[in-house]
N, C-alpha and C. Protein backbone atom coordinates (compact mmCIF):
# COMPACT_ATOMS: atom_id res chain seq x y z
N MET A 1 115.57 134.89 114.34
CA MET A 1 116.81 134.18 114.14
C MET A 1 116.66 133.12 113.06
N ARG A 2 115.55 132.41 113.02
CA ARG A 2 115.34 131.39 112.00
C ARG A 2 115.29 132.02 110.61
N GLU A 3 114.71 133.21 110.50
CA GLU A 3 114.61 133.88 109.20
C GLU A 3 116.00 134.20 108.66
N SER A 4 116.92 134.65 109.50
CA SER A 4 118.27 134.95 109.00
C SER A 4 119.02 133.68 108.64
N LEU A 5 118.75 132.58 109.34
CA LEU A 5 119.37 131.31 109.00
C LEU A 5 118.88 130.84 107.63
N LYS A 6 117.60 131.04 107.34
CA LYS A 6 117.05 130.69 106.04
C LYS A 6 117.71 131.51 104.94
N ARG A 7 117.89 132.82 105.20
CA ARG A 7 118.52 133.69 104.19
C ARG A 7 119.96 133.28 103.92
N VAL A 8 120.68 132.92 104.97
CA VAL A 8 122.07 132.49 104.80
C VAL A 8 122.11 131.18 104.01
N SER A 9 121.21 130.26 104.33
CA SER A 9 121.15 128.98 103.62
C SER A 9 120.86 129.18 102.15
N VAL A 10 119.93 130.07 101.84
CA VAL A 10 119.59 130.34 100.45
C VAL A 10 120.77 130.99 99.74
N ALA A 11 121.46 131.89 100.39
CA ALA A 11 122.61 132.56 99.79
C ALA A 11 123.73 131.57 99.52
N VAL A 12 123.98 130.67 100.47
CA VAL A 12 125.02 129.66 100.29
C VAL A 12 124.64 128.70 99.16
N ALA A 13 123.39 128.28 99.11
CA ALA A 13 122.94 127.38 98.05
C ALA A 13 123.06 128.05 96.69
N ALA A 14 122.70 129.32 96.59
CA ALA A 14 122.80 130.04 95.32
C ALA A 14 124.25 130.19 94.91
N ALA A 15 125.13 130.50 95.84
CA ALA A 15 126.56 130.64 95.53
C ALA A 15 127.12 129.29 95.06
N GLY A 16 126.70 128.21 95.69
CA GLY A 16 127.14 126.88 95.28
C GLY A 16 126.68 126.54 93.88
N ALA A 17 125.44 126.88 93.56
CA ALA A 17 124.91 126.60 92.22
C ALA A 17 125.65 127.41 91.17
N ILE A 18 125.95 128.65 91.47
CA ILE A 18 126.72 129.48 90.53
C ILE A 18 128.11 128.90 90.36
N SER A 19 128.71 128.48 91.45
CA SER A 19 130.05 127.89 91.40
C SER A 19 130.05 126.60 90.57
N LEU A 20 129.06 125.75 90.78
CA LEU A 20 128.97 124.50 90.03
C LEU A 20 128.75 124.76 88.55
N ALA A 21 127.92 125.72 88.25
CA ALA A 21 127.66 126.04 86.85
C ALA A 21 128.92 126.56 86.19
N GLY A 22 129.69 127.36 86.88
CA GLY A 22 130.93 127.87 86.34
C GLY A 22 131.93 126.77 86.08
N SER A 23 132.03 125.81 87.00
CA SER A 23 133.00 124.74 86.80
C SER A 23 132.56 123.77 85.72
N ALA A 24 131.25 123.65 85.49
CA ALA A 24 130.77 122.76 84.44
C ALA A 24 131.18 123.29 83.07
N VAL A 25 131.25 124.60 82.94
CA VAL A 25 131.65 125.20 81.68
C VAL A 25 133.15 125.02 81.46
N ALA A 26 133.93 125.07 82.54
CA ALA A 26 135.38 125.03 82.44
C ALA A 26 135.93 123.63 82.16
N HIS A 27 135.19 122.58 82.51
CA HIS A 27 135.69 121.22 82.36
C HIS A 27 134.78 120.41 81.46
N ALA A 28 135.40 119.52 80.69
CA ALA A 28 134.61 118.63 79.83
C ALA A 28 133.91 117.58 80.69
N ALA A 29 132.79 117.11 80.19
CA ALA A 29 132.01 116.11 80.91
C ALA A 29 132.71 114.76 80.87
N PRO A 30 132.71 114.03 81.99
CA PRO A 30 133.33 112.70 81.97
C PRO A 30 132.46 111.71 81.19
N LEU A 31 133.13 110.87 80.41
CA LEU A 31 132.45 109.85 79.62
C LEU A 31 133.00 108.48 79.99
N LEU A 32 132.17 107.47 79.86
CA LEU A 32 132.57 106.10 80.14
C LEU A 32 133.30 105.52 78.92
N VAL A 33 134.48 104.96 79.17
CA VAL A 33 135.24 104.32 78.08
C VAL A 33 134.64 102.93 77.84
N PRO A 34 134.11 102.70 76.64
CA PRO A 34 133.52 101.38 76.36
C PRO A 34 134.60 100.33 76.09
N ASP A 35 134.23 99.08 76.22
CA ASP A 35 135.13 97.98 75.90
C ASP A 35 135.11 97.76 74.40
N VAL A 36 136.24 98.02 73.75
CA VAL A 36 136.33 97.86 72.30
C VAL A 36 137.28 96.73 71.92
N SER A 37 137.76 95.99 72.90
CA SER A 37 138.68 94.89 72.59
C SER A 37 137.97 93.84 71.74
N GLY A 38 138.70 93.31 70.75
CA GLY A 38 138.13 92.32 69.84
C GLY A 38 137.47 92.92 68.61
N MET A 39 137.23 94.22 68.63
CA MET A 39 136.63 94.88 67.46
C MET A 39 137.74 95.21 66.46
N THR A 40 137.33 95.53 65.24
CA THR A 40 138.30 96.07 64.29
C THR A 40 138.56 97.53 64.66
N VAL A 41 139.62 98.08 64.10
CA VAL A 41 139.93 99.50 64.35
C VAL A 41 138.76 100.37 63.93
N LEU A 42 138.16 100.06 62.79
CA LEU A 42 137.03 100.84 62.30
C LEU A 42 135.84 100.75 63.25
N GLU A 43 135.50 99.54 63.70
CA GLU A 43 134.37 99.36 64.63
C GLU A 43 134.64 100.06 65.96
N ALA A 44 135.86 99.93 66.46
CA ALA A 44 136.21 100.55 67.74
C ALA A 44 136.15 102.07 67.65
N THR A 45 136.64 102.61 66.54
CA THR A 45 136.59 104.06 66.35
C THR A 45 135.15 104.55 66.32
N GLU A 46 134.29 103.85 65.60
CA GLU A 46 132.88 104.22 65.53
C GLU A 46 132.21 104.11 66.90
N THR A 47 132.53 103.06 67.65
CA THR A 47 131.96 102.88 68.99
C THR A 47 132.38 104.00 69.91
N LEU A 48 133.66 104.37 69.87
CA LEU A 48 134.15 105.45 70.72
C LEU A 48 133.57 106.80 70.29
N ASN A 49 133.43 107.02 68.99
CA ASN A 49 132.79 108.25 68.51
C ASN A 49 131.35 108.33 68.98
N ASP A 50 130.63 107.21 68.91
CA ASP A 50 129.24 107.16 69.38
C ASP A 50 129.14 107.43 70.88
N ALA A 51 130.19 107.06 71.62
CA ALA A 51 130.22 107.29 73.07
C ALA A 51 130.58 108.73 73.42
N GLY A 52 130.95 109.53 72.39
CA GLY A 52 131.24 110.94 72.63
C GLY A 52 132.70 111.34 72.49
N PHE A 53 133.55 110.39 72.14
CA PHE A 53 134.98 110.69 71.99
C PHE A 53 135.29 111.06 70.54
N ASP A 54 135.94 112.22 70.36
CA ASP A 54 136.29 112.69 69.02
C ASP A 54 137.76 112.49 68.70
N ASN A 55 138.59 112.32 69.71
CA ASN A 55 140.04 112.19 69.54
C ASN A 55 140.44 110.72 69.68
N VAL A 56 140.22 109.94 68.63
CA VAL A 56 140.52 108.51 68.65
C VAL A 56 141.58 108.22 67.58
N PHE A 57 142.66 107.58 68.02
CA PHE A 57 143.76 107.27 67.10
C PHE A 57 144.17 105.81 67.28
N ALA A 58 144.62 105.19 66.19
CA ALA A 58 145.07 103.80 66.22
C ALA A 58 146.56 103.73 65.95
N SER A 59 147.18 102.68 66.47
CA SER A 59 148.62 102.49 66.26
C SER A 59 148.90 101.79 64.93
N THR A 60 147.88 101.63 64.11
CA THR A 60 148.01 101.00 62.80
C THR A 60 147.17 101.75 61.77
N PRO A 61 147.63 101.80 60.54
CA PRO A 61 146.81 102.45 59.51
C PRO A 61 145.73 101.53 58.93
N ASP A 62 145.76 100.24 59.28
CA ASP A 62 144.81 99.27 58.71
C ASP A 62 143.53 99.22 59.55
N PRO A 63 142.40 99.68 59.00
CA PRO A 63 141.14 99.71 59.76
C PRO A 63 140.56 98.34 60.07
N THR A 64 141.13 97.28 59.45
CA THR A 64 140.61 95.93 59.71
C THR A 64 141.38 95.20 60.81
N ASP A 65 142.47 95.82 61.32
CA ASP A 65 143.23 95.20 62.41
C ASP A 65 142.38 95.08 63.67
N GLU A 66 142.64 94.04 64.45
CA GLU A 66 141.92 93.82 65.70
C GLU A 66 142.47 94.73 66.80
N VAL A 67 141.57 95.24 67.63
CA VAL A 67 141.93 96.10 68.76
C VAL A 67 142.08 95.24 70.00
N LEU A 68 143.20 95.41 70.70
CA LEU A 68 143.42 94.70 71.96
C LEU A 68 142.82 95.46 73.14
N GLY A 69 142.73 96.77 73.01
CA GLY A 69 142.20 97.61 74.08
C GLY A 69 142.53 99.07 73.79
N THR A 70 142.44 99.90 74.81
CA THR A 70 142.77 101.32 74.67
C THR A 70 143.76 101.72 75.75
N ASN A 71 144.21 102.97 75.68
CA ASN A 71 145.13 103.47 76.70
C ASN A 71 144.42 103.76 78.02
N TYR A 72 143.11 103.63 78.07
CA TYR A 72 142.33 103.74 79.31
C TYR A 72 141.53 102.44 79.47
N ASP A 73 141.44 101.96 80.69
CA ASP A 73 140.69 100.74 80.94
C ASP A 73 139.21 100.93 80.62
N ALA A 74 138.62 99.92 80.00
CA ALA A 74 137.17 99.94 79.75
C ALA A 74 136.45 100.06 81.08
N GLY A 75 135.41 100.89 81.09
CA GLY A 75 134.62 101.07 82.31
C GLY A 75 135.07 102.23 83.17
N THR A 76 136.16 102.91 82.79
CA THR A 76 136.59 104.09 83.54
C THR A 76 136.00 105.34 82.91
N PHE A 77 135.96 106.41 83.67
CA PHE A 77 135.46 107.68 83.18
C PHE A 77 136.63 108.61 82.91
N VAL A 78 136.61 109.25 81.74
CA VAL A 78 137.61 110.25 81.37
C VAL A 78 136.88 111.43 80.75
N ASP A 79 137.55 112.58 80.68
CA ASP A 79 136.95 113.76 80.07
C ASP A 79 136.69 113.52 78.59
N GLU A 80 135.64 114.12 78.08
CA GLU A 80 135.25 113.90 76.69
C GLU A 80 136.30 114.37 75.69
N ASP A 81 137.18 115.29 76.08
CA ASP A 81 138.22 115.77 75.17
C ASP A 81 139.52 114.97 75.29
N THR A 82 139.49 113.86 76.01
CA THR A 82 140.66 113.00 76.18
C THR A 82 140.98 112.27 74.87
N THR A 83 142.26 112.14 74.56
CA THR A 83 142.68 111.37 73.40
C THR A 83 142.67 109.88 73.76
N ILE A 84 141.97 109.10 72.96
CA ILE A 84 141.91 107.65 73.16
C ILE A 84 142.78 106.98 72.10
N LEU A 85 143.71 106.16 72.55
CA LEU A 85 144.58 105.43 71.64
C LEU A 85 144.15 103.98 71.59
N LEU A 86 143.93 103.48 70.39
CA LEU A 86 143.57 102.07 70.20
C LEU A 86 144.85 101.25 70.12
N VAL A 87 144.94 100.22 70.95
CA VAL A 87 146.12 99.37 70.98
C VAL A 87 145.85 98.15 70.09
N THR A 88 146.78 97.92 69.16
CA THR A 88 146.66 96.80 68.23
C THR A 88 147.93 95.94 68.32
N PRO A 89 147.86 94.68 67.87
CA PRO A 89 149.05 93.84 67.89
C PRO A 89 150.14 94.41 66.98
N THR A 90 151.39 94.20 67.35
CA THR A 90 152.48 94.64 66.49
C THR A 90 152.69 93.61 65.38
N ARG A 91 153.15 94.06 64.28
CA ARG A 91 153.36 93.16 63.12
C ARG A 91 154.81 92.84 62.97
């Protein structure tokens, strides 16, 4: 009886590993949103790119404008393919 319990446990563990591997391929990895407030748009964009974010956009065309924050709170986790918007003061 113990031998069949071991086989069932191994089968369940293997099925779980296959399932986890499949879902890892289907979803982007979560990344931590860094705090970019107080940086220039250029610095914030570089910081976010270094953190793994490729979709970074600013509400201003001026790369020297100060960033107030992003559309996601610093310290939260979002998928790596998430679009990050840099919030800047209005002129």
